[in-house]
Every structure is written in structure tokens, then in C-alpha cells.
């Protein structure tokens, strides 16, 4: 049986790959990394959360990067 820790690590790896895929799907989309998180911005699909999302390692990473994330998304749309 796979441990919870290994399952979380697998999900994290898959979500990172999805983020890179969705964050590079159009000419205006992009992916950016901050400590403890990966995020994608896709102005071509502003109402689609799957293309505009944050994949954090922890809630602390989101809290620490909140201002940068908010500004990045605000100027992208």
C-alpha cells in the first residue's frame, strides 16, 4: 500500500505538470514560481479557474505570496 506522503507527492507532481501545460497553452499565458508554489495565468480564459490557478505546497506559501499573487492576477486581466 502506498503511504499518504507518497500519494501527496504524486498529486503534487501531477498538478505541477498540469500547471505548466495550462500555463503555456496560449500566447498570453504564463507560469510563475514563488517559494513553495507554482501558478499559471491565462488572460485568454479569465473565467476558467483550471487555467488560472495556484498549486501551493502549503497554505503558508499562499499566505506569504498573497500580495504578489493578487497583483499578478490583477494586472493580467
Protein backbone atom coordinates (compact mmCIF):
# COMPACT_ATOMS: atom_id res chain seq x y z
CA UNK A 1 0.00 0.00 0.00
CA UNK A 2 1.20 3.49 -0.85
CA UNK A 3 1.72 5.85 2.05
CA UNK A 4 -0.21 9.10 2.36
CA UNK A 5 3.04 11.01 2.00
CA UNK A 6 3.84 9.29 -1.32
CA UNK A 7 0.31 9.90 -2.60
CA UNK A 8 0.58 13.61 -1.76
CA UNK A 9 3.94 13.77 -3.55
CA UNK A 10 2.45 12.12 -6.64
CA UNK A 11 -0.50 14.52 -6.70
CA UNK A 12 1.86 17.49 -6.29
CA UNK A 13 3.97 16.31 -9.24
CA UNK A 14 0.89 15.81 -11.43
CA UNK A 15 -0.52 19.23 -10.53
CA UNK A 16 2.80 20.88 -11.35
CA UNK A 17 2.77 19.28 -14.79
CA UNK A 18 -0.83 20.37 -15.36
CA UNK A 19 0.05 23.90 -14.32
CA UNK A 20 2.88 24.04 -16.85
CA UNK A 21 0.59 22.61 -19.54
CA UNK A 22 -2.28 25.03 -18.91
CA UNK A 23 0.02 27.97 -18.26
CA UNK A 24 1.64 27.59 -21.65
CA UNK A 25 -1.48 26.95 -23.70
CA UNK A 26 -1.77 30.34 -25.37
CA UNK A 27 0.45 33.19 -26.43
CA UNK A 28 -0.57 35.31 -23.45
CA UNK A 29 -0.48 32.65 -20.74
CA UNK A 30 2.43 32.13 -18.40
CA UNK A 31 3.62 30.17 -15.42
CA UNK A 32 5.45 31.63 -12.48
CA UNK A 33 7.07 30.16 -9.42
CA UNK A 34 7.33 31.66 -5.98
CA UNK A 35 8.75 29.95 -2.91
CA UNK A 36 6.52 26.98 -2.17
CA UNK A 37 4.09 27.40 -5.06
CA UNK A 38 3.58 27.34 -8.79
CA UNK A 39 0.89 29.39 -10.52
CA UNK A 40 -0.48 29.89 -14.00
CA UNK A 41 -2.13 32.94 -15.52
CA UNK A 42 -4.09 32.70 -18.75
CA UNK A 43 -5.68 36.01 -19.79
CA UNK A 44 -7.28 34.27 -22.78
CA UNK A 45 -9.52 32.36 -20.35
CA UNK A 46 -10.10 34.72 -17.40
CA UNK A 47 -13.17 32.89 -16.10
CA UNK A 48 -11.57 29.45 -16.07
CA UNK A 49 -10.01 28.53 -12.75
CA UNK A 50 -8.21 25.49 -14.16
CA UNK A 51 -6.13 27.81 -16.35
CA UNK A 52 -5.67 30.46 -13.65
CA UNK A 53 -4.67 28.70 -10.51
CA UNK A 54 -2.11 28.35 -7.78
CA UNK A 55 -0.64 25.00 -6.75
CA UNK A 56 0.84 25.50 -3.29
CA UNK A 57 2.95 23.17 -1.21
CA UNK A 58 1.25 24.60 1.89
CA UNK A 59 -1.26 27.21 2.94
CA UNK A 60 1.65 29.18 4.40
CA UNK A 61 3.14 29.54 0.92
CA UNK A 62 -0.10 31.14 -0.30
CA UNK A 63 -0.26 33.49 2.66
CA UNK A 64 3.37 34.51 2.20
CA UNK A 65 2.87 35.18 -1.53
CA UNK A 66 -0.65 36.59 -1.38
CA UNK A 67 0.22 40.19 -2.28
CA UNK A 68 2.39 39.14 -5.23
CA UNK A 69 -0.29 36.71 -6.45
CA UNK A 70 -3.06 39.29 -6.16
CA UNK A 71 -1.05 41.89 -8.06
CA UNK A 72 -0.02 39.42 -10.77
CA UNK A 73 -3.58 38.29 -11.41
CA UNK A 74 -4.95 41.85 -11.19
CA UNK A 75 -2.65 43.22 -13.88
CA UNK A 76 -3.12 40.19 -16.12
CA UNK A 77 -6.83 40.69 -16.77
